[in-house]
Amino acid sequence: MSLARALVVDDHQLNLDLARYVLEADGFIVDEALHADAAWASLRACRPDVVLVDIQLPGTDGLTLVRAIKATPGLADIPCIAFTAYAMQGDEQRFRAAGCDGYLVKPIDVRSFAACVRSHLAN
């Protein structure tokens, strides 16, 4: 079985560090980006199997980034998961309407986080 590659886009280094630690412990290769421009550079360099996107990013917000990924040939089929502290009623529906394939709330549950991410990978 080949290792799955995840791109985590979040402007807080502690969130990136924790996501990396948990995902790598589960066998993922993890790339990280602090903003949308860095995410695009990573997407061009090495196509991930899944993208986790914070909704509130500096500059280009996470939903705009997801919409752009989903509109890009060759990238549109990559599962994009909202990775956010937004947990109000209606948020998940709003994120899914913008193109997100999943929704994970921060702070993460380290016991189930990797399995939740893995569940979005193509079989």
N, C-alpha and C. Protein backbone atom coordinates (compact mmCIF):
# COMPACT_ATOMS: atom_id res chain seq x y z
N MET A 1 0.85 -1.18 0.00
CA MET A 1 0.00 0.00 0.00
C MET A 1 0.89 1.24 0.00
N SER A 2 0.63 2.16 -0.92
CA SER A 2 1.42 3.39 -0.95
C SER A 2 0.89 4.35 0.11
N LEU A 3 1.77 5.23 0.53
CA LEU A 3 1.40 6.21 1.55
C LEU A 3 0.50 7.28 0.93
N ALA A 4 -0.50 7.70 1.68
CA ALA A 4 -1.36 8.79 1.24
C ALA A 4 -0.68 10.11 1.55
N ARG A 5 -0.86 11.09 0.68
CA ARG A 5 -0.27 12.42 0.86
C ARG A 5 -1.39 13.40 1.20
N ALA A 6 -1.21 14.14 2.29
CA ALA A 6 -2.17 15.16 2.72
C ALA A 6 -1.50 16.53 2.67
N LEU A 7 -2.24 17.50 2.18
CA LEU A 7 -1.82 18.90 2.25
C LEU A 7 -2.71 19.57 3.30
N VAL A 8 -2.08 20.15 4.31
CA VAL A 8 -2.80 20.86 5.37
C VAL A 8 -2.53 22.34 5.21
N VAL A 9 -3.59 23.12 5.04
CA VAL A 9 -3.48 24.56 4.84
C VAL A 9 -4.08 25.25 6.05
N ASP A 10 -3.23 25.90 6.84
CA ASP A 10 -3.68 26.57 8.06
C ASP A 10 -2.66 27.65 8.40
N ASP A 11 -3.12 28.80 8.83
CA ASP A 11 -2.20 29.91 9.12
C ASP A 11 -1.67 29.89 10.55
N HIS A 12 -1.98 28.86 11.32
CA HIS A 12 -1.45 28.73 12.68
C HIS A 12 -0.52 27.53 12.75
N GLN A 13 0.74 27.79 13.04
CA GLN A 13 1.75 26.74 13.04
C GLN A 13 1.43 25.62 14.01
N LEU A 14 0.84 25.94 15.17
CA LEU A 14 0.50 24.88 16.12
C LEU A 14 -0.52 23.90 15.54
N ASN A 15 -1.50 24.41 14.79
CA ASN A 15 -2.47 23.52 14.13
C ASN A 15 -1.78 22.65 13.10
N LEU A 16 -0.86 23.24 12.34
CA LEU A 16 -0.11 22.47 11.34
C LEU A 16 0.73 21.39 12.02
N ASP A 17 1.40 21.76 13.09
CA ASP A 17 2.26 20.80 13.80
C ASP A 17 1.46 19.62 14.34
N LEU A 18 0.31 19.91 14.95
CA LEU A 18 -0.50 18.83 15.51
C LEU A 18 -1.06 17.94 14.40
N ALA A 19 -1.59 18.54 13.35
CA ALA A 19 -2.13 17.75 12.24
C ALA A 19 -1.03 16.88 11.63
N ARG A 20 0.15 17.47 11.41
CA ARG A 20 1.27 16.71 10.86
C ARG A 20 1.62 15.53 11.75
N TYR A 21 1.75 15.77 13.04
CA TYR A 21 2.13 14.73 13.99
C TYR A 21 1.15 13.56 13.94
N VAL A 22 -0.15 13.87 14.01
CA VAL A 22 -1.17 12.82 14.05
C VAL A 22 -1.24 12.08 12.71
N LEU A 23 -1.21 12.83 11.61
CA LEU A 23 -1.30 12.18 10.30
C LEU A 23 -0.06 11.35 9.98
N GLU A 24 1.12 11.87 10.29
CA GLU A 24 2.34 11.10 10.04
C GLU A 24 2.38 9.83 10.89
N ALA A 25 1.88 9.90 12.11
CA ALA A 25 1.81 8.71 12.97
C ALA A 25 0.91 7.65 12.37
N ASP A 26 -0.04 8.07 11.53
CA ASP A 26 -0.95 7.14 10.87
C ASP A 26 -0.46 6.75 9.47
N GLY A 27 0.74 7.19 9.09
CA GLY A 27 1.31 6.77 7.83
C GLY A 27 1.13 7.72 6.66
N PHE A 28 0.63 8.91 6.90
CA PHE A 28 0.49 9.90 5.83
C PHE A 28 1.83 10.59 5.57
N ILE A 29 2.02 11.04 4.35
CA ILE A 29 3.04 12.03 4.01
C ILE A 29 2.31 13.37 4.11
N VAL A 30 2.87 14.32 4.82
CA VAL A 30 2.16 15.58 5.07
C VAL A 30 2.94 16.76 4.52
N ASP A 31 2.26 17.55 3.68
CA ASP A 31 2.77 18.84 3.22
C ASP A 31 1.94 19.90 3.93
N GLU A 32 2.53 21.05 4.16
CA GLU A 32 1.78 22.10 4.84
C GLU A 32 1.96 23.43 4.16
N ALA A 33 0.94 24.28 4.32
CA ALA A 33 0.96 25.62 3.75
C ALA A 33 0.30 26.57 4.73
N LEU A 34 0.89 27.75 4.89
CA LEU A 34 0.36 28.76 5.81
C LEU A 34 -0.67 29.69 5.17
N HIS A 35 -0.80 29.65 3.84
CA HIS A 35 -1.74 30.51 3.13
C HIS A 35 -2.01 29.92 1.75
N ALA A 36 -2.95 30.52 1.03
CA ALA A 36 -3.39 29.97 -0.26
C ALA A 36 -2.26 29.93 -1.30
N ASP A 37 -1.43 30.96 -1.36
CA ASP A 37 -0.34 30.96 -2.35
C ASP A 37 0.61 29.79 -2.12
N ALA A 38 0.93 29.53 -0.86
CA ALA A 38 1.80 28.38 -0.54
C ALA A 38 1.08 27.07 -0.86
N ALA A 39 -0.23 27.03 -0.68
CA ALA A 39 -1.00 25.83 -1.03
C ALA A 39 -0.91 25.56 -2.53
N TRP A 40 -1.04 26.61 -3.34
CA TRP A 40 -0.94 26.43 -4.80
C TRP A 40 0.44 25.94 -5.19
N ALA A 41 1.47 26.47 -4.55
CA ALA A 41 2.84 26.00 -4.85
C ALA A 41 2.97 24.52 -4.52
N SER A 42 2.39 24.10 -3.41
CA SER A 42 2.45 22.70 -3.03
C SER A 42 1.62 21.83 -3.98
N LEU A 43 0.46 22.31 -4.36
CA LEU A 43 -0.38 21.56 -5.30
C LEU A 43 0.32 21.37 -6.65
N ARG A 44 1.06 22.36 -7.10
CA ARG A 44 1.81 22.25 -8.36
C ARG A 44 2.99 21.31 -8.22
N ALA A 45 3.62 21.30 -7.05
CA ALA A 45 4.83 20.49 -6.84
C ALA A 45 4.52 19.01 -6.68
N CYS A 46 3.44 18.70 -5.98
CA CYS A 46 3.15 17.30 -5.68
C CYS A 46 1.67 17.15 -5.35
N ARG A 47 0.94 16.51 -6.22
CA ARG A 47 -0.52 16.37 -6.06
C ARG A 47 -0.84 15.53 -4.82
N PRO A 48 -1.58 16.12 -3.86
CA PRO A 48 -1.94 15.36 -2.66
C PRO A 48 -3.15 14.47 -2.93
N ASP A 49 -3.38 13.54 -2.02
CA ASP A 49 -4.56 12.68 -2.08
C ASP A 49 -5.75 13.31 -1.37
N VAL A 50 -5.47 14.26 -0.48
CA VAL A 50 -6.51 14.95 0.27
C VAL A 50 -5.95 16.30 0.72
N VAL A 51 -6.84 17.30 0.79
CA VAL A 51 -6.45 18.64 1.24
C VAL A 51 -7.34 19.04 2.42
N LEU A 52 -6.70 19.45 3.50
CA LEU A 52 -7.43 19.99 4.66
C LEU A 52 -7.22 21.49 4.64
N VAL A 53 -8.31 22.25 4.67
CA VAL A 53 -8.22 23.70 4.49
C VAL A 53 -8.91 24.43 5.64
N ASP A 54 -8.14 25.27 6.32
CA ASP A 54 -8.72 26.18 7.30
C ASP A 54 -9.58 27.18 6.53
N ILE A 55 -10.71 27.53 7.06
CA ILE A 55 -11.61 28.44 6.36
C ILE A 55 -11.13 29.89 6.47
N GLN A 56 -10.58 30.26 7.61
CA GLN A 56 -10.15 31.64 7.81
C GLN A 56 -8.64 31.72 7.61
N LEU A 57 -8.25 32.07 6.38
CA LEU A 57 -6.84 32.22 6.02
C LEU A 57 -6.57 33.68 5.69
N PRO A 58 -5.33 34.12 5.83
CA PRO A 58 -5.00 35.49 5.42
C PRO A 58 -5.05 35.59 3.90
N GLY A 59 -5.49 36.72 3.39
CA GLY A 59 -5.57 36.88 1.93
C GLY A 59 -6.76 36.09 1.39
N THR A 60 -6.48 35.10 0.58
CA THR A 60 -7.52 34.26 0.00
C THR A 60 -8.06 33.32 1.08
N ASP A 61 -9.37 33.38 1.34
CA ASP A 61 -9.93 32.53 2.39
C ASP A 61 -10.03 31.08 1.92
N GLY A 62 -10.28 30.19 2.87
CA GLY A 62 -10.29 28.77 2.57
C GLY A 62 -11.37 28.34 1.60
N LEU A 63 -12.55 28.92 1.68
CA LEU A 63 -13.61 28.53 0.75
C LEU A 63 -13.30 28.95 -0.67
N THR A 64 -12.67 30.10 -0.84
CA THR A 64 -12.25 30.53 -2.17
C THR A 64 -11.19 29.57 -2.71
N LEU A 65 -10.27 29.15 -1.85
CA LEU A 65 -9.26 28.19 -2.25
C LEU A 65 -9.90 26.87 -2.67
N VAL A 66 -10.85 26.37 -1.90
CA VAL A 66 -11.52 25.11 -2.25
C VAL A 66 -12.24 25.24 -3.59
N ARG A 67 -12.98 26.34 -3.77
CA ARG A 67 -13.68 26.54 -5.06
C ARG A 67 -12.70 26.52 -6.23
N ALA A 68 -11.54 27.15 -6.05
CA ALA A 68 -10.54 27.20 -7.12
C ALA A 68 -9.94 25.81 -7.38
N ILE A 69 -9.67 25.06 -6.33
CA ILE A 69 -9.16 23.70 -6.51
C ILE A 69 -10.18 22.87 -7.28
N LYS A 70 -11.44 22.95 -6.88
CA LYS A 70 -12.50 22.17 -7.52
C LYS A 70 -12.74 22.59 -8.97
N ALA A 71 -12.34 23.80 -9.33
CA ALA A 71 -12.52 24.30 -10.70
C ALA A 71 -11.29 24.05 -11.58
N THR A 72 -10.25 23.46 -11.02
CA THR A 72 -9.00 23.26 -11.75
C THR A 72 -8.90 21.84 -12.29
N PRO A 73 -8.84 21.69 -13.63
CA PRO A 73 -8.67 20.36 -14.19
C PRO A 73 -7.43 19.68 -13.61
N GLY A 74 -7.57 18.41 -13.30
CA GLY A 74 -6.47 17.67 -12.71
C GLY A 74 -6.43 17.74 -11.20
N LEU A 75 -7.17 18.66 -10.62
CA LEU A 75 -7.22 18.79 -9.16
C LEU A 75 -8.64 18.63 -8.62
N ALA A 76 -9.63 18.78 -9.47
CA ALA A 76 -11.03 18.82 -9.04
C ALA A 76 -11.47 17.59 -8.27
N ASP A 77 -10.82 16.45 -8.50
CA ASP A 77 -11.24 15.23 -7.83
C ASP A 77 -10.56 15.01 -6.48
N ILE A 78 -9.67 15.91 -6.08
CA ILE A 78 -9.01 15.77 -4.78
C ILE A 78 -10.02 16.12 -3.68
N PRO A 79 -10.22 15.22 -2.73
CA PRO A 79 -11.11 15.56 -1.62
C PRO A 79 -10.57 16.74 -0.82
N CYS A 80 -11.42 17.73 -0.59
CA CYS A 80 -11.06 18.90 0.21
C CYS A 80 -11.93 18.90 1.46
N ILE A 81 -11.27 18.98 2.60
CA ILE A 81 -11.97 18.92 3.88
C ILE A 81 -11.81 20.26 4.59
N ALA A 82 -12.92 20.85 4.99
CA ALA A 82 -12.87 22.06 5.82
C ALA A 82 -12.29 21.65 7.17
N PHE A 83 -11.26 22.37 7.60
CA PHE A 83 -10.53 22.09 8.84
C PHE A 83 -10.59 23.38 9.64
N THR A 84 -11.60 23.49 10.50
CA THR A 84 -11.95 24.82 11.01
C THR A 84 -12.48 24.81 12.43
N ALA A 85 -12.41 25.96 13.07
CA ALA A 85 -13.01 26.14 14.39
C ALA A 85 -14.47 26.57 14.27
N TYR A 86 -14.91 26.88 13.04
CA TYR A 86 -16.31 27.26 12.85
C TYR A 86 -17.20 26.04 13.07
N ALA A 87 -18.07 26.11 14.06
CA ALA A 87 -18.92 24.97 14.37
C ALA A 87 -20.34 25.43 14.70
N MET A 88 -20.77 26.48 14.05
CA MET A 88 -22.12 26.98 14.28
C MET A 88 -23.10 26.24 13.38
N GLN A 89 -24.36 26.27 13.76
CA GLN A 89 -25.39 25.63 12.95
C GLN A 89 -25.35 26.22 11.54
N GLY A 90 -25.33 25.37 10.54
CA GLY A 90 -25.32 25.79 9.15
C GLY A 90 -23.95 25.89 8.53
N ASP A 91 -22.89 25.90 9.35
CA ASP A 91 -21.54 26.02 8.80
C ASP A 91 -21.18 24.83 7.91
N GLU A 92 -21.46 23.62 8.37
CA GLU A 92 -21.09 22.46 7.55
C GLU A 92 -21.80 22.51 6.19
N GLN A 93 -23.06 22.86 6.17
CA GLN A 93 -23.80 22.95 4.90
C GLN A 93 -23.19 24.03 3.99
N ARG A 94 -22.80 25.14 4.59
CA ARG A 94 -22.19 26.23 3.82
C ARG A 94 -20.87 25.78 3.22
N PHE A 95 -20.06 25.05 3.99
CA PHE A 95 -18.77 24.58 3.49
C PHE A 95 -18.95 23.54 2.40
N ARG A 96 -19.91 22.65 2.58
CA ARG A 96 -20.17 21.63 1.55
C ARG A 96 -20.70 22.27 0.28
N ALA A 97 -21.53 23.30 0.41
CA ALA A 97 -22.05 24.00 -0.76
C ALA A 97 -20.93 24.69 -1.54
N ALA A 98 -19.86 25.06 -0.85
CA ALA A 98 -18.71 25.70 -1.50
C ALA A 98 -17.78 24.68 -2.15
N GLY A 99 -18.05 23.38 -1.94
CA GLY A 99 -17.23 22.35 -2.57
C GLY A 99 -16.47 21.45 -1.63
N CYS A 100 -16.55 21.70 -0.34
CA CYS A 100 -15.84 20.84 0.61
C CYS A 100 -16.48 19.46 0.63
N ASP A 101 -15.64 18.45 0.66
CA ASP A 101 -16.10 17.06 0.70
C ASP A 101 -16.29 16.57 2.13
N GLY A 102 -15.79 17.31 3.09
CA GLY A 102 -15.90 16.92 4.48
C GLY A 102 -15.70 18.12 5.37
N TYR A 103 -15.81 17.85 6.67
CA TYR A 103 -15.80 18.93 7.66
C TYR A 103 -15.24 18.37 8.96
N LEU A 104 -14.12 18.92 9.41
CA LEU A 104 -13.51 18.54 10.68
C LEU A 104 -13.35 19.78 11.54
N VAL A 105 -13.82 19.69 12.77
CA VAL A 105 -13.81 20.83 13.69
C VAL A 105 -12.53 20.82 14.51
N LYS A 106 -11.95 22.01 14.70
CA LYS A 106 -10.82 22.19 15.61
C LYS A 106 -11.37 22.62 16.97
N PRO A 107 -10.77 22.26 18.05
CA PRO A 107 -9.55 21.45 18.11
C PRO A 107 -9.85 20.01 17.73
N ILE A 108 -8.87 19.35 17.15
CA ILE A 108 -9.07 18.00 16.65
C ILE A 108 -9.07 16.99 17.79
N ASP A 109 -9.75 15.89 17.56
CA ASP A 109 -9.71 14.74 18.45
C ASP A 109 -8.59 13.85 17.92
N VAL A 110 -7.47 13.82 18.61
CA VAL A 110 -6.29 13.11 18.09
C VAL A 110 -6.54 11.61 17.93
N ARG A 111 -7.50 11.08 18.64
CA ARG A 111 -7.79 9.64 18.53
C ARG A 111 -8.49 9.30 17.22
N SER A 112 -9.28 10.20 16.67
CA SER A 112 -10.08 9.89 15.48
C SER A 112 -9.71 10.71 14.25
N PHE A 113 -8.85 11.70 14.41
CA PHE A 113 -8.54 12.63 13.32
C PHE A 113 -8.04 11.93 12.06
N ALA A 114 -7.02 11.11 12.17
CA ALA A 114 -6.43 10.46 11.00
C ALA A 114 -7.45 9.55 10.32
N ALA A 115 -8.23 8.82 11.09
CA ALA A 115 -9.24 7.94 10.50
C ALA A 115 -10.29 8.74 9.75
N CYS A 116 -10.67 9.90 10.30
CA CYS A 116 -11.64 10.76 9.61
C CYS A 116 -11.08 11.26 8.28
N VAL A 117 -9.81 11.68 8.29
CA VAL A 117 -9.17 12.13 7.06
C VAL A 117 -9.09 10.97 6.07
N ARG A 118 -8.65 9.82 6.54
CA ARG A 118 -8.48 8.64 5.68
C ARG A 118 -9.82 8.22 5.04
N SER A 119 -10.92 8.44 5.75
CA SER A 119 -12.23 8.04 5.22
C SER A 119 -12.60 8.80 3.94
N HIS A 120 -11.92 9.90 3.66
CA HIS A 120 -12.21 10.69 2.47
C HIS A 120 -11.35 10.29 1.27
N LEU A 121 -10.41 9.39 1.48
CA LEU A 121 -9.57 8.95 0.37
C LEU A 121 -10.35 8.03 -0.56
N ALA A 122 -10.03 8.09 -1.84
CA ALA A 122 -10.67 7.19 -2.81
C ALA A 122 -10.29 5.76 -2.49
N ASN A 123 -11.23 4.87 -2.62
CA ASN A 123 -10.96 3.45 -2.32
C ASN A 123 -10.21 2.77 -3.44
